[in-house]
Amino acid sequence: MTKRCDAGLVGLYLHPEPGGLPPTCTAEPAHGSGRNTGFTSAERWVHGQPPPLPSRSRGTGGREPSPGRGSDVDHGQTALSRSPRPPSPAVRCLRRPSPLSGAAPPGATAGRRRWLERDGAGKGKGKAGGNVAVATGDGRKPEAGGAGRRGAGEPFPAASLSPPGSGGSSTMGCFFSRRRKPAQGGQLPLQPQAGAGQDAASGEQKAPQYSWDLRAKIDPKDYTFSGLKNETVGRLPGKVAGQQFVIQDCENCQIYIFDHSATITIDDCVNCQIFLGPIKGSVFFRDCKDCKCVVACQQFRTRDCRKLEVFLCCATQPIIESSTGMKFGCFQYYYPELALQFKDAGLSIFNNTWSNIHDFTPVSGENNWGLLPETAAVQDYVPLPSSEELKAVRVSTDATKSIIPITRGRRQKNSDESCLAVFFAGDYTTANARKLIDEMTSKGFQLVQTKEVLMKAEDAHRVFQQSALEFIPLLEKGPVVALEFNGDGAVEQCRSTVNEVFSGTKVFVSESKASASQDVDNFYNFADMQMGM
């Protein structure tokens, strides 16, 4: 026996008293007659009772036994009377889809789904008990053998699925949901959106822009001097701006690069005077002869060159290969923009190994390189520019104004007494070091070498020894600047100058003539290892 509810829902009502029905529900016998008057497995599922699993006993073939043949259905009882008594008097309505439409209960196994589909299909083909009375939503009873019957796979009537008060609408969903009314044609109006490459105001498409499109176009001709003869050419500050530069096949020319660059290669140049501003990377001379140059760079190399005279500032050890007649001196040059260009190129004015030359191809009994005289003046080798455009750069070749401190390098020392002075990182480290250089050189002492390098605590113990604990906290601020002075009485004069001029600044100065030589060796041996030389 099934029930019909005016609410239009197929389900099971559980009541406090067995067999009781709500006022709006009526119980009706299932369609069909004969022995098969009980509920089928599909109908049990509709009324909240899961169907039993198919029997695996011999003789049934894995099918559920019919109600009249050993079935557990008790004839003459209704579905409501067989329902278990609920734990509370509350009324519950179990809403489930009809299994007769081919649907399976949630969580059913694959075998159970096939069994339900087979059972529903068999019962829907006119067999007794195969149909379930369906509520129409308006209180009418289904017509016997007519509209009330539904075969397997047929959907429920639209009225039975509509919520109460909906007027029989076939639209599914929540009764209280509010949907936006569609525009004419059944579609919501689309709002145009301005995307990438589209103008929001006019809607016109624009070509996409990439980062490389925004870069300034570079013409290689602006960074090349090639095939020139008897000319004076150059680049003003800011015109190269860290780009690569090429000089080739020039003869009897004066070339000035008053800017910092990435790398520079000079090939097949003859009898040229060349000035090259700070170079972040390397400068490479190849197949050049009878040239005079002023160069500041990170790396310096020559190959197959003859008679080059170079005023050099090089952060690493200069290298020559298959070259002869090479002469080197200390860089000495000045113009107002030069200090900032050194900084942009990542070069320190205190790291200059201009005299520490390495020859890859030495010749036994010959020397492929040497040092220029101490009295050599830059303007005698590379004169000031003569063109009106390049005269705008205020160049000075005075050694006292040189941005790079003039050092003796590997020339013979005039005295066996040297002194080491070390300035620690601070706001005025460079200015203080330059001040001490001016004070000492003005009194006749010579600056042998300079170095700017980072130090660690263990390095401080090796270099400063007993005084290390005093200076270790200062090492964390940045690199130190070391100066070596030479001359009789250098230690005493250096300590006196530091106490007078730098009384409020911590500076390491050799304590005595006996320890000064060891201080110099300890520091510069450490610095050479630190810089890989």
Protein backbone atom coordinates (compact mmCIF):
# COMPACT_ATOMS: atom_id res chain seq x y z
CA MET A 1 0.00 0.00 0.00
CA THR A 2 1.28 3.46 -0.87
CA LYS A 3 0.26 6.91 0.16
CA ARG A 4 -0.55 10.16 -1.57
CA CYS A 5 0.30 13.56 -0.12
CA ASP A 6 -1.14 16.93 -1.14
CA ALA A 7 2.34 18.42 -0.78
CA GLY A 8 3.26 16.71 -4.02
CA LEU A 9 6.18 14.81 -2.49
CA VAL A 10 6.74 11.10 -2.62
CA GLY A 11 8.10 9.98 0.71
CA LEU A 12 7.48 8.26 4.00
CA TYR A 13 5.75 9.84 6.97
CA LEU A 14 6.59 8.33 10.30
CA HIS A 15 4.01 8.96 13.02
CA PRO A 16 3.92 8.41 16.76
CA GLU A 17 1.29 5.72 16.40
CA PRO A 18 1.76 2.82 13.99
CA GLY A 19 -0.54 2.98 11.03
CA GLY A 20 -1.44 6.62 11.61
CA LEU A 21 -1.71 9.01 8.68
CA PRO A 22 -1.48 12.78 8.55
CA PRO A 23 -4.70 14.57 7.73
CA THR A 24 -3.58 15.38 4.20
CA CYS A 25 -2.38 11.88 3.29
CA THR A 26 -4.43 8.86 2.29
CA ALA A 27 -3.36 5.27 1.95
CA GLU A 28 -4.23 3.43 -1.22
CA PRO A 29 -3.55 -0.09 -2.31
CA ALA A 30 -0.85 -0.60 -4.87
CA HIS A 31 -1.97 -1.23 -8.41
CA GLY A 32 -2.15 -4.82 -9.41
CA SER A 33 -3.75 -7.86 -7.93
CA GLY A 34 -3.03 -11.42 -7.04
CA ARG A 35 -0.43 -12.82 -4.80
CA ASN A 36 1.97 -10.01 -5.46
CA THR A 37 0.20 -7.53 -3.15
CA GLY A 38 3.24 -6.59 -1.06
CA PHE A 39 5.74 -3.89 -1.75
CA THR A 40 8.48 -4.48 -4.26
CA SER A 41 12.07 -3.67 -3.45
CA ALA A 42 11.81 -0.40 -5.36
CA GLU A 43 8.66 0.56 -3.44
CA ARG A 44 10.33 -0.20 -0.14
CA TRP A 45 13.08 2.18 -1.06
CA VAL A 46 10.51 4.89 -1.85
CA HIS A 47 8.98 4.40 1.58
CA GLY A 48 12.26 4.57 3.44
CA GLN A 49 13.03 0.83 3.66
CA PRO A 50 16.18 -0.24 1.81
CA PRO A 51 15.63 -3.34 -0.31
CA PRO A 52 17.30 -6.55 0.80
CA LEU A 53 20.40 -7.68 -1.02
CA PRO A 54 19.80 -10.31 -3.72
CA SER A 55 19.87 -13.80 -2.35
CA ARG A 56 22.87 -15.93 -3.23
CA SER A 57 21.08 -19.13 -2.25
CA ARG A 58 20.91 -21.98 -4.69
CA GLY A 59 17.76 -22.04 -6.80
CA THR A 60 17.13 -18.30 -6.95
CA GLY A 61 19.84 -17.51 -9.45
CA GLY A 62 20.96 -14.47 -7.47
CA ARG A 63 17.53 -12.82 -7.85
CA GLU A 64 15.31 -11.59 -5.09
CA PRO A 65 12.61 -14.12 -4.29
CA SER A 66 9.10 -13.04 -5.12
CA PRO A 67 6.81 -11.99 -2.26
CA GLY A 68 4.84 -15.23 -2.49
CA ARG A 69 7.86 -17.50 -2.47
CA GLY A 70 9.67 -17.19 0.79
CA SER A 71 9.69 -13.43 0.76
CA ASP A 72 10.06 -11.55 4.00
CA VAL A 73 7.00 -9.44 3.10
CA ASP A 74 4.06 -10.05 5.36
CA HIS A 75 0.89 -9.97 3.23
CA GLY A 76 -1.95 -7.85 4.47
CA GLN A 77 0.27 -5.25 6.13
CA THR A 78 0.78 -1.76 4.88
CA ALA A 79 4.10 -0.08 4.37
CA LEU A 80 3.39 2.26 7.24
CA SER A 81 2.68 -0.54 9.68
CA ARG A 82 5.95 -2.23 8.80
CA SER A 83 7.98 0.96 9.34
CA PRO A 84 10.08 1.07 12.51
CA ARG A 85 8.82 3.19 15.35
CA PRO A 86 10.68 6.50 15.39
CA PRO A 87 12.59 7.53 18.51
CA SER A 88 10.68 10.82 18.74
CA PRO A 89 7.11 11.89 17.91
CA ALA A 90 8.34 14.33 15.27
CA VAL A 91 7.08 13.83 11.73
CA ARG A 92 9.77 13.33 9.10
CA CYS A 93 9.46 13.29 5.34
CA LEU A 94 12.18 11.49 3.42
CA ARG A 95 12.51 12.97 -0.05
CA ARG A 96 14.19 10.62 -2.43
CA PRO A 97 14.19 10.29 -6.21
CA SER A 98 12.09 7.52 -7.64
CA PRO A 99 13.99 4.31 -8.34
CA LEU A 100 11.57 3.59 -11.17
CA SER A 101 13.27 6.31 -13.23
CA GLY A 102 16.50 4.37 -13.19
CA ALA A 103 18.10 6.21 -10.25
CA ALA A 104 19.83 4.35 -7.44
CA PRO A 105 19.96 5.30 -3.76
CA PRO A 106 23.02 7.23 -2.60
CA GLY A 107 25.94 4.98 -1.71
CA ALA A 108 24.59 1.96 -3.60
CA THR A 109 27.12 -0.44 -5.04
CA ALA A 110 27.36 -1.13 -8.75
CA GLY A 111 25.66 -4.53 -8.37
CA ARG A 112 22.85 -3.06 -6.35
CA ARG A 113 22.31 -0.34 -8.96
CA ARG A 114 21.98 -2.90 -11.74
CA TRP A 115 19.57 -4.94 -9.63
CA LEU A 116 17.36 -1.92 -8.94
CA GLU A 117 17.30 -0.96 -12.60
CA ARG A 118 16.42 -4.51 -13.60
CA ASP A 119 13.74 -4.77 -10.91
CA GLY A 120 12.19 -1.41 -11.81
CA ALA A 121 12.19 -2.22 -15.52
CA GLY A 122 10.53 -5.57 -14.95
CA LYS A 123 7.83 -4.17 -12.71
CA GLY A 124 7.09 -1.30 -15.05
CA LYS A 125 6.02 -3.52 -17.95
CA GLY A 126 2.50 -4.18 -16.79
CA LYS A 127 3.33 -6.67 -14.06
CA ALA A 128 1.43 -6.59 -10.81
CA GLY A 129 2.83 -4.28 -8.20
CA GLY A 130 5.11 -2.57 -10.69
CA ASN A 131 3.62 0.90 -10.40
CA VAL A 132 3.45 3.33 -7.54
CA ALA A 133 0.67 5.82 -7.08
CA VAL A 134 2.00 9.34 -7.53
CA ALA A 135 0.52 12.42 -5.95
CA THR A 136 -0.65 15.03 -8.41
CA GLY A 137 -0.35 17.98 -6.06
CA ASP A 138 -4.04 19.00 -6.31
CA GLY A 139 -5.64 16.24 -4.22
CA ARG A 140 -6.83 14.20 -7.21
CA LYS A 141 -6.34 10.47 -7.25
CA PRO A 142 -4.38 9.04 -10.12
CA GLU A 143 -6.49 7.44 -12.78
CA ALA A 144 -6.44 3.68 -12.63
CA GLY A 145 -4.57 2.21 -15.53
CA GLY A 146 -4.26 5.65 -17.08
CA ALA A 147 -2.34 8.78 -16.28
CA GLY A 148 -1.49 7.48 -12.82
CA ARG A 149 0.52 4.65 -14.26
CA ARG A 150 4.09 5.20 -15.34
CA GLY A 151 6.43 2.78 -16.99
CA ALA A 152 10.12 2.31 -16.26
CA GLY A 153 12.23 5.25 -17.32
CA GLU A 154 9.25 7.65 -17.55
CA PRO A 155 9.64 10.84 -15.49
CA PHE A 156 7.22 11.96 -12.84
CA PRO A 157 4.55 14.43 -13.93
CA ALA A 158 5.73 18.03 -13.78
CA ALA A 159 3.06 18.93 -11.23
CA SER A 160 4.33 16.35 -8.78
CA LEU A 161 7.81 17.93 -8.77
CA SER A 162 6.75 21.52 -8.31
CA PRO A 163 6.93 23.08 -4.83
CA PRO A 164 3.72 23.99 -3.03
CA GLY A 165 2.23 27.25 -4.14
CA SER A 166 4.25 27.39 -7.34
CA GLY A 167 1.21 26.96 -9.54
CA GLY A 168 2.45 23.76 -11.10
CA SER A 169 5.57 25.34 -12.61
CA SER A 170 8.07 22.83 -13.87
CA THR A 171 11.05 24.96 -12.89
CA MET A 172 13.26 23.16 -10.38
CA GLY A 173 15.16 24.88 -7.60
CA CYS A 174 14.62 26.69 -4.36
CA PHE A 175 11.26 28.42 -4.11
CA PHE A 176 12.81 31.43 -2.40
CA SER A 177 15.69 31.92 -4.85
CA ARG A 178 15.65 35.16 -6.79
CA ARG A 179 17.21 35.11 -10.17
CA ARG A 180 18.08 38.10 -12.24
CA LYS A 181 15.57 38.54 -15.02
CA PRO A 182 17.20 37.83 -18.37
CA ALA A 183 17.07 40.31 -21.17
CA GLN A 184 15.01 39.72 -24.27
CA GLY A 185 16.14 36.60 -26.03
CA GLY A 186 16.72 34.70 -22.78
CA GLN A 187 20.30 35.86 -22.24
CA LEU A 188 21.78 38.25 -19.74
CA PRO A 189 23.34 41.34 -21.31
CA LEU A 190 27.13 41.17 -21.46
CA GLN A 191 29.12 44.15 -20.25
CA PRO A 192 32.21 44.92 -22.35
CA GLN A 193 35.42 44.89 -20.36
CA ALA A 194 38.66 46.60 -21.27
CA GLY A 195 41.38 43.98 -21.34
CA ALA A 196 45.06 43.97 -22.19
CA GLY A 197 45.74 45.82 -25.40
CA GLN A 198 42.24 47.39 -25.50
CA ASP A 199 41.34 51.01 -24.89
CA ALA A 200 38.62 51.19 -22.21
CA ALA A 201 37.19 54.43 -23.62
CA SER A 202 37.08 53.69 -27.33
CA GLY A 203 37.24 49.89 -27.27
CA GLU A 204 39.95 49.93 -29.92
CA GLN A 205 42.64 47.28 -29.89
CA LYS A 206 46.19 48.41 -29.15
CA ALA A 207 49.40 46.54 -29.83
CA PRO A 208 50.79 45.03 -26.59
CA GLN A 209 53.94 46.65 -25.21
CA TYR A 210 56.84 44.66 -23.79
CA SER A 211 59.78 45.69 -21.64
CA TRP A 212 62.21 45.53 -24.55
CA ASP A 213 59.95 47.81 -26.55
CA LEU A 214 60.37 50.50 -23.90
CA ARG A 215 64.16 50.37 -23.98
CA ALA A 216 66.05 52.95 -25.93
CA LYS A 217 67.17 51.69 -29.31
CA ILE A 218 70.92 51.14 -29.45
CA ASP A 219 72.84 51.79 -32.63
CA PRO A 220 76.14 49.82 -32.70
CA LYS A 221 77.70 52.67 -34.66
CA ASP A 222 77.43 54.86 -31.55
CA TYR A 223 79.71 52.44 -29.71
CA THR A 224 82.29 51.79 -32.41
CA PHE A 225 85.30 53.61 -33.83
CA SER A 226 86.44 51.79 -36.94
CA GLY A 227 88.74 52.57 -39.85
CA LEU A 228 89.70 56.08 -38.70
CA LYS A 229 92.90 57.88 -39.71
CA ASN A 230 94.37 61.13 -38.39
CA GLU A 231 91.23 62.02 -36.45
CA THR A 232 90.37 63.13 -32.91
CA VAL A 233 87.21 61.43 -31.70
CA GLY A 234 85.61 60.59 -28.38
CA ARG A 235 82.53 60.20 -26.21
CA LEU A 236 81.44 62.66 -23.56
CA PRO A 237 80.35 61.65 -20.03
CA GLY A 238 76.98 59.88 -20.12
CA LYS A 239 77.18 58.86 -23.78
CA VAL A 240 78.43 55.30 -23.26
CA ALA A 241 76.68 54.63 -19.94
CA GLY A 242 78.03 51.16 -19.27
CA GLN A 243 77.71 49.72 -22.79
CA GLN A 244 80.35 47.73 -24.65
CA PHE A 245 82.69 49.58 -26.97
CA VAL A 246 84.83 48.56 -29.95
CA ILE A 247 87.87 50.35 -31.41
CA GLN A 248 89.45 48.82 -34.50
CA ASP A 249 91.60 49.58 -37.53
CA CYS A 250 92.49 53.10 -36.43
CA GLU A 251 95.75 54.87 -37.31
CA ASN A 252 97.32 58.09 -36.02
CA CYS A 253 94.17 58.92 -34.03
CA GLN A 254 93.43 60.47 -30.65
CA ILE A 255 90.55 58.62 -28.96
CA TYR A 256 88.91 59.62 -25.66
CA ILE A 257 86.16 57.68 -23.87
CA PHE A 258 85.14 59.97 -20.99
CA ASP A 259 82.58 57.55 -19.56
CA HIS A 260 82.35 54.16 -17.89
CA SER A 261 81.75 51.05 -20.01
CA ALA A 262 81.20 47.31 -19.71
CA THR A 263 84.08 45.99 -21.85
CA ILE A 264 86.31 47.42 -24.57
CA THR A 265 88.24 45.63 -27.31
CA ILE A 266 90.96 47.40 -29.30
CA ASP A 267 92.15 45.65 -32.45
CA ASP A 268 94.74 46.51 -35.12
CA CYS A 269 95.39 50.07 -34.03
CA VAL A 270 98.67 51.79 -34.91
CA ASN A 271 100.25 54.92 -33.40
CA CYS A 272 97.15 56.01 -31.47
CA GLN A 273 96.72 57.92 -28.19
CA ILE A 274 93.82 56.47 -26.23
CA PHE A 275 92.10 57.37 -22.97
CA LEU A 276 89.60 54.85 -21.58
CA GLY A 277 87.39 55.72 -18.61
CA PRO A 278 86.52 53.10 -15.93
CA ILE A 279 85.74 49.69 -17.43
CA LYS A 280 83.64 47.35 -15.31
CA GLY A 281 84.99 44.24 -17.02
CA SER A 282 88.00 43.74 -19.23
CA VAL A 283 89.95 45.68 -21.82
CA PHE A 284 91.65 43.60 -24.50
CA PHE A 285 94.36 44.92 -26.85
CA ARG A 286 95.08 42.72 -29.88
CA ASP A 287 97.56 43.27 -32.71
CA CYS A 288 98.24 46.86 -31.71
CA LYS A 289 101.59 48.66 -31.88
CA ASP A 290 103.14 52.00 -30.99
CA CYS A 291 100.13 53.09 -28.93
CA LYS A 292 100.04 55.17 -25.74
CA CYS A 293 97.11 54.69 -23.38
CA VAL A 294 95.54 55.69 -20.08
CA VAL A 295 93.29 52.88 -18.84
CA ALA A 296 91.22 52.06 -15.71
CA CYS A 297 89.69 48.59 -15.66
CA GLN A 298 88.92 45.42 -13.76
CA GLN A 299 91.04 43.20 -16.05
CA PHE A 300 93.78 44.11 -18.50
CA ARG A 301 95.01 41.82 -21.29
CA THR A 302 97.15 42.16 -24.40
CA ARG A 303 98.01 39.72 -27.18
CA ASP A 304 100.36 40.10 -30.12
CA CYS A 305 101.08 43.73 -29.28
CA ARG A 306 104.29 45.76 -29.76
CA LYS A 307 105.50 48.83 -27.89
CA LEU A 308 102.50 49.82 -25.81
CA GLU A 309 102.96 52.42 -23.06
CA VAL A 310 100.12 52.33 -20.56
CA PHE A 311 99.23 54.40 -17.49
CA LEU A 312 97.18 51.76 -15.77
CA CYS A 313 94.73 51.25 -12.93
CA CYS A 314 93.79 47.57 -12.74
CA ALA A 315 91.97 45.82 -9.89
CA THR A 316 93.45 42.42 -10.79
CA GLN A 317 96.81 41.27 -12.06
CA PRO A 318 97.47 42.59 -15.60
CA ILE A 319 98.30 39.92 -18.19
CA ILE A 320 100.32 40.14 -21.39
CA GLU A 321 100.63 37.40 -23.99
CA SER A 322 102.91 37.23 -27.03
CA SER A 323 103.64 40.91 -26.52
CA THR A 324 106.96 42.78 -26.36
CA GLY A 325 108.17 46.27 -25.49
CA MET A 326 105.36 46.86 -22.96
CA LYS A 327 105.77 49.75 -20.47
CA PHE A 328 103.53 50.49 -17.50
CA GLY A 329 102.99 53.41 -15.15
CA CYS A 330 100.47 54.36 -12.47
CA PHE A 331 97.16 55.85 -13.62
CA GLN A 332 96.97 59.62 -13.03
CA TYR A 333 94.02 61.52 -14.41
CA TYR A 334 91.18 63.71 -13.25
CA TYR A 335 87.92 65.24 -14.44
CA PRO A 336 84.86 66.00 -12.28
CA GLU A 337 82.75 63.01 -13.36
CA LEU A 338 85.52 60.44 -12.95
CA ALA A 339 84.93 59.58 -9.27
CA LEU A 340 81.26 58.71 -9.88
CA GLN A 341 82.18 56.70 -12.97
CA PHE A 342 84.56 54.58 -10.88
CA LYS A 343 81.68 53.88 -8.52
CA ASP A 344 79.30 53.00 -11.37
CA ALA A 345 81.89 50.58 -12.75
CA GLY A 346 82.33 48.92 -9.35
CA LEU A 347 86.02 49.84 -9.08
CA SER A 348 87.84 50.97 -5.96
CA ILE A 349 90.39 53.75 -6.30
CA PHE A 350 92.57 51.94 -3.72
CA ASN A 351 92.83 48.62 -5.59
CA ASN A 352 95.51 49.21 -8.21
CA THR A 353 98.00 46.48 -9.15
CA TRP A 354 99.41 48.35 -12.14
CA SER A 355 102.98 47.08 -11.64
CA ASN A 356 102.25 43.41 -10.84
CA ILE A 357 102.41 42.16 -14.44
CA HIS A 358 102.07 38.50 -15.41
CA ASP A 359 103.64 37.39 -18.70
CA PHE A 360 102.04 34.30 -20.21
CA THR A 361 104.82 33.89 -22.79
CA PRO A 362 108.13 34.83 -21.17
CA VAL A 363 111.30 34.62 -23.26
CA SER A 364 114.46 33.36 -21.64
CA GLY A 365 117.02 36.13 -21.28
CA GLU A 366 114.55 38.86 -22.30
CA ASN A 367 112.02 41.00 -20.52
CA ASN A 368 108.83 41.70 -22.43
CA TRP A 369 107.68 44.44 -20.07
CA GLY A 370 109.01 47.18 -17.78
CA LEU A 371 108.00 50.28 -15.82
CA LEU A 372 107.84 53.84 -17.05
CA PRO A 373 110.10 56.41 -15.35
CA GLU A 374 108.81 57.92 -12.12
CA THR A 375 108.97 61.35 -13.72
CA ALA A 376 106.81 60.34 -16.68
CA ALA A 377 103.96 62.80 -17.21
CA VAL A 378 100.70 61.65 -18.70
CA GLN A 379 100.28 64.66 -21.00
CA ASP A 380 103.57 63.76 -22.68
CA TYR A 381 102.08 60.44 -23.75
CA VAL A 382 98.37 61.17 -24.13
CA PRO A 383 97.82 64.90 -24.72
CA LEU A 384 94.64 66.70 -23.77
CA PRO A 385 91.89 66.59 -26.42
CA SER A 386 92.05 69.31 -29.04
CA SER A 387 88.50 69.17 -30.46
CA GLU A 388 86.02 71.78 -29.29
CA GLU A 389 83.47 69.15 -28.25
CA LEU A 390 85.89 67.24 -26.03
CA LYS A 391 87.38 70.38 -24.51
CA ALA A 392 84.15 70.70 -22.54
CA VAL A 393 85.49 67.99 -20.21
CA ARG A 394 87.68 69.67 -17.59
CA VAL A 395 90.65 67.31 -17.64
CA SER A 396 93.68 67.61 -15.38
CA THR A 397 96.81 65.44 -15.52
CA ASP A 398 98.32 66.90 -12.35
CA ALA A 399 99.48 63.98 -10.19
CA THR A 400 98.30 65.70 -7.00
CA LYS A 401 94.74 65.88 -8.35
CA SER A 402 94.61 62.34 -9.69
CA ILE A 403 91.54 60.39 -8.62
CA ILE A 404 93.83 57.37 -8.16
CA PRO A 405 96.56 57.74 -5.52
CA ILE A 406 100.00 57.63 -7.15
CA THR A 407 101.89 54.61 -5.82
CA ARG A 408 105.44 53.34 -6.33
CA GLY A 409 104.32 49.81 -6.99
CA ARG A 410 107.22 47.39 -7.42
CA ARG A 411 109.87 50.02 -7.82
CA GLN A 412 112.83 49.91 -5.52
CA LYS A 413 112.09 51.36 -2.07
CA ASN A 414 114.22 54.23 -0.83
CA SER A 415 114.26 53.01 2.80
CA ASP A 416 114.01 49.77 4.72
CA GLU A 417 111.42 51.29 7.06
CA SER A 418 107.76 50.99 6.16
CA CYS A 419 104.58 51.66 8.09
CA LEU A 420 101.09 50.19 7.80
CA ALA A 421 98.01 52.34 8.44
CA VAL A 422 94.49 50.86 8.26
CA PHE A 423 91.22 52.83 8.19
CA PHE A 424 87.98 51.05 9.03
CA ALA A 425 84.65 51.48 7.28
CA GLY A 426 82.74 54.66 8.04
CA ASP A 427 81.24 57.75 6.50
CA TYR A 428 84.59 59.41 5.84
CA THR A 429 86.90 56.47 5.22
CA THR A 430 87.96 57.54 1.72
CA ALA A 431 88.38 61.18 2.70
CA ASN A 432 90.42 60.26 5.77
CA ALA A 433 92.69 57.98 3.76
CA ARG A 434 93.27 60.67 1.13
CA LYS A 435 93.99 63.17 3.89
CA LEU A 436 96.65 60.95 5.45
CA ILE A 437 98.23 60.36 2.02
CA ASP A 438 98.48 64.10 1.43
CA GLU A 439 99.96 64.68 4.89
CA MET A 440 102.59 61.96 4.56
CA THR A 441 103.63 62.66 0.95
CA SER A 442 103.93 66.37 1.70
CA LYS A 443 106.57 65.46 4.32
CA GLY A 444 108.61 63.46 1.80
CA PHE A 445 107.31 59.94 2.48
CA GLN A 446 106.32 57.71 -0.40
CA LEU A 447 103.09 55.78 -0.83
CA VAL A 448 104.07 52.27 -1.87
CA GLN A 449 100.69 50.57 -2.26
CA THR A 450 97.04 50.73 -1.21
CA LYS A 451 94.31 48.14 -0.78
CA GLU A 452 90.59 48.02 0.03
CA VAL A 453 89.34 44.63 1.18
CA LEU A 454 86.89 42.91 3.53
CA MET A 455 88.24 41.29 6.68
CA LYS A 456 86.91 38.72 9.14
CA ALA A 457 87.67 38.18 12.80
CA GLU A 458 90.24 35.45 12.11
CA ASP A 459 91.94 37.72 9.57
CA ALA A 460 92.16 40.47 12.18
CA HIS A 461 93.94 38.13 14.60
CA ARG A 462 96.46 37.27 11.89
CA VAL A 463 97.12 40.88 10.87
CA PHE A 464 96.62 42.97 14.00
CA GLN A 465 97.65 40.27 16.49
CA GLN A 466 97.50 41.72 20.06
CA SER A 467 95.35 44.67 18.95
CA ALA A 468 92.79 42.50 17.14
CA LEU A 469 90.11 42.56 19.86
CA GLU A 470 89.96 46.33 19.68
CA PHE A 471 89.20 46.38 15.94
CA ILE A 472 87.08 43.24 15.40
CA PRO A 473 83.74 45.03 16.10
CA LEU A 474 84.61 47.58 13.39
CA LEU A 475 85.04 44.92 10.68
CA GLU A 476 81.29 44.32 10.40
CA LYS A 477 80.69 47.80 8.96
CA GLY A 478 82.47 47.16 5.65
CA PRO A 479 85.87 46.91 3.94
CA VAL A 480 89.03 48.40 5.35
CA VAL A 481 91.51 50.65 3.51
CA ALA A 482 95.21 49.95 4.06
CA LEU A 483 98.12 52.23 3.16
CA GLU A 484 101.83 51.44 3.13
CA PHE A 485 104.25 54.35 3.54
CA ASN A 486 108.01 54.14 3.11
CA GLY A 487 110.82 56.31 4.37
CA ASP A 488 113.05 56.82 7.36
CA GLY A 489 110.94 57.64 10.40
CA ALA A 490 107.70 56.65 8.64
CA VAL A 491 106.26 54.88 11.71
CA GLU A 492 106.81 57.76 14.10
CA GLN A 493 105.54 60.37 11.66
CA CYS A 494 102.46 58.35 10.74
CA ARG A 495 101.49 57.80 14.38
CA SER A 496 101.98 61.47 15.14
CA THR A 497 99.84 62.57 12.19
CA VAL A 498 97.03 60.15 13.06
CA ASN A 499 96.92 61.37 16.67
CA GLU A 500 96.79 65.00 15.58
CA VAL A 501 94.45 64.84 12.59
CA PHE A 502 92.29 61.77 13.36
CA SER A 503 92.06 61.91 17.13
CA GLY A 504 88.39 60.86 17.15
CA THR A 505 88.82 58.02 14.63
CA LYS A 506 90.10 54.53 15.28
CA VAL A 507 93.05 53.81 12.99
CA PHE A 508 95.51 50.95 13.16
CA VAL A 509 99.13 52.12 12.85
CA SER A 510 102.26 50.02 13.23
CA GLU A 511 103.69 50.42 16.72
CA SER A 512 107.38 50.29 15.89
CA LYS A 513 109.89 49.94 13.09
CA ALA A 514 110.59 46.34 14.13
CA SER A 515 106.94 45.26 13.90
CA ALA A 516 106.01 47.44 10.91
CA SER A 517 107.65 45.21 8.31
CA GLN A 518 105.77 42.19 9.69
CA ASP A 519 102.50 44.14 9.73
CA VAL A 520 102.89 45.03 6.05
CA ASP A 521 103.68 41.46 5.03
CA ASN A 522 100.81 40.02 7.07
CA PHE A 523 98.23 42.37 5.62
CA TYR A 524 99.20 42.33 1.95
CA ASN A 525 99.75 38.58 1.89
CA PHE A 526 96.22 38.21 3.25
CA ALA A 527 94.86 40.76 0.74
CA ASP A 528 96.49 39.02 -2.22
CA MET A 529 94.98 35.69 -1.20
CA GLN A 530 91.60 37.34 -0.65
CA MET A 531 91.66 38.81 -4.16
CA GLY A 532 93.02 35.65 -5.78
CA MET A 533 96.42 37.01 -6.77
